Structures are given as C-alpha cells and as structure tokens.
Protein backbone atom coordinates (compact mmCIF):
# COMPACT_ATOMS: atom_id res chain seq x y z
CA SER A 1 92.70 -102.44 71.11
CA ASP A 2 89.45 -101.87 70.01
CA VAL A 3 89.96 -98.10 68.29
CA SER A 4 86.60 -97.53 67.78
CA GLN A 5 85.43 -97.73 71.45
CA ALA A 6 88.06 -94.98 72.00
CA GLN A 7 85.69 -92.41 70.20
CA MET A 8 83.73 -91.82 74.09
CA CYS A 9 84.43 -92.70 77.26
CA PRO A 10 80.79 -93.70 78.86
CA LYS A 11 81.47 -91.89 81.84
CA HIS A 12 83.76 -88.58 80.42
CA GLY A 13 82.08 -88.17 76.76
CA THR A 14 85.07 -86.90 74.70
CA ASP A 15 86.44 -84.02 76.09
CA TYR A 16 89.40 -86.17 77.63
CA LEU A 17 90.06 -88.56 75.45
CA GLU A 18 94.00 -89.07 74.53
CA TYR A 19 96.06 -90.46 71.59
CA LYS A 20 99.65 -92.03 70.39
CA CYS A 21 102.09 -89.84 68.26
CA ARG A 22 102.70 -90.57 65.59
CA TYR A 23 106.09 -91.03 65.22
CA CYS A 24 106.88 -92.10 69.11
CA CYS A 25 105.68 -94.12 72.09
CA SER A 26 104.69 -91.25 73.78
CA VAL A 27 101.27 -89.39 74.02
CA ALA A 28 100.11 -86.52 71.97
CA VAL A 29 99.35 -83.31 72.47
CA PHE A 30 99.07 -82.25 69.23
CA PHE A 31 96.55 -82.31 66.44
CA CYS A 32 97.85 -81.57 62.72
CA PHE A 33 96.93 -81.36 59.55
CA GLY A 34 93.53 -83.09 60.10
CA THR A 35 95.39 -85.98 60.77
CA THR A 36 98.06 -86.36 62.43
CA HIS A 37 98.79 -86.80 66.05
CA PHE A 38 101.96 -85.54 67.35
CA CYS A 39 103.70 -85.27 70.72
CA ASN A 40 105.42 -81.64 71.62
CA ALA A 41 109.35 -82.83 70.98
CA CYS A 42 107.95 -84.56 67.36
CA HIS A 43 105.81 -81.54 67.06
CA ASP A 44 108.61 -79.66 67.02
CA ASP A 45 110.67 -81.89 64.56
CA PHE A 46 107.62 -82.83 62.07
CA GLN A 47 109.60 -80.96 59.38
CA ARG A 48 111.97 -84.25 59.91
CA VAL A 49 109.51 -87.14 60.69
CA VAL A 50 107.06 -87.01 58.52
CA ASN A 51 109.71 -87.42 56.04
CA ILE A 52 110.88 -90.66 57.12
CA PRO A 53 109.25 -93.54 55.20
CA LYS A 54 106.89 -95.50 57.15
CA ASN A 55 109.12 -98.78 56.43
CA GLU A 56 112.34 -97.23 58.00
CA LEU A 57 110.32 -95.65 61.33
CA PRO A 58 111.73 -97.66 64.19
CA GLN A 59 109.23 -100.17 65.89
CA CYS A 60 108.01 -100.03 69.55
CA PRO A 61 109.67 -99.19 71.96
CA VAL A 62 110.41 -94.62 70.21
CA ALA A 63 111.23 -91.98 71.82
CA PRO A 64 110.34 -89.12 70.58
CA LYS A 65 111.67 -87.56 67.86
CA ALA A 66 111.57 -91.02 66.47
CA VAL A 67 114.04 -92.37 67.66
CA SER A 68 114.42 -96.06 68.25
CA LEU A 69 114.66 -97.47 72.52
CA ASP A 70 116.79 -100.44 73.89
CA GLY A 71 114.78 -103.14 75.18
CA GLU A 72 111.70 -104.02 74.80
CA GLU A 73 108.35 -102.29 76.38
CA CYS A 74 107.27 -99.47 75.27
CA PRO A 75 106.84 -96.41 77.71
CA LEU A 76 102.87 -95.78 77.21
CA HIS A 77 102.30 -99.27 79.17
CA VAL A 78 100.07 -100.43 75.98
CA LYS A 79 99.64 -102.80 72.98
CA HIS A 80 99.49 -100.56 69.74
CA PRO A 81 99.83 -100.41 65.97
CA ALA A 82 103.03 -99.91 64.35
CA THR A 83 104.88 -96.59 63.95
CA GLY A 84 103.31 -94.33 61.75
CA GLU A 85 99.61 -95.49 62.16
CA GLU A 86 97.75 -93.11 64.54
CA PHE A 87 96.22 -94.77 67.50
CA ALA A 88 93.48 -93.62 70.57
CA LEU A 89 94.47 -94.39 73.93
CA GLY A 90 91.02 -93.66 75.51
CA CYS A 91 90.17 -91.71 77.82
CA GLY A 92 93.31 -90.29 80.23
CA ILE A 93 91.27 -89.39 82.63
CA CYS A 94 90.03 -93.77 82.94
CA ARG A 95 93.25 -94.74 81.92
CA ASN A 96 94.92 -92.67 84.11
CA ALA A 97 93.18 -92.94 87.30
CA HIS A 98 95.47 -96.30 88.57
CA THR A 99 98.06 -94.16 89.20
CA PHE A 100 96.64 -91.77 91.88
C-alpha cells in the first residue's frame, strides 16, 4: 500500500484516518510519544511491548500484546509492513463501508 495516499481521504479528509497498531494486527486507538500507534491491549502493556527488540517481534498475523497467531491470514485483511513499523490503514469510513 502507498502510505502517502493514506494521509488524506478525498471524501472525508483527515478526520477518520486509521492506523495499524505498531505491535499487532489491530486498529490503533492511541497515538503516543508523538511516534507510536497502539491498540488498546498493546497500550495497556506498552512497557513490555516497546522494549521487545524489533527483530524479536512476531510477524503477521499477530494478536494484541505482540502474541503470534496461528495461520497466515492477517486479522486486518490488508498487506502491511512488518510488526514494529508504523502503517496508515486509510480512511476508516471508506475502509469499512463494505461491512454495512
């Protein structure tokens, strides 16, 4: 995915941009330290997850709290960079429009 394209939705602007949690395959709900997006579970466990060396983070698919999942299907159903990297998912309204 082209992350630069995720910075602005032509229909909804920047109000509904969503990001992947840096430490798992979940949608982030926190942005901390001016650098890091977290889901709720990883945010609750941030002191542990931020100290996991990048080369030791599990690879997709990853459950909250940086726990490796069985199988190959990403819970987000998108191709994204490795765990430990920031990634914009795009507009949450447009991305989820197909579920209604």
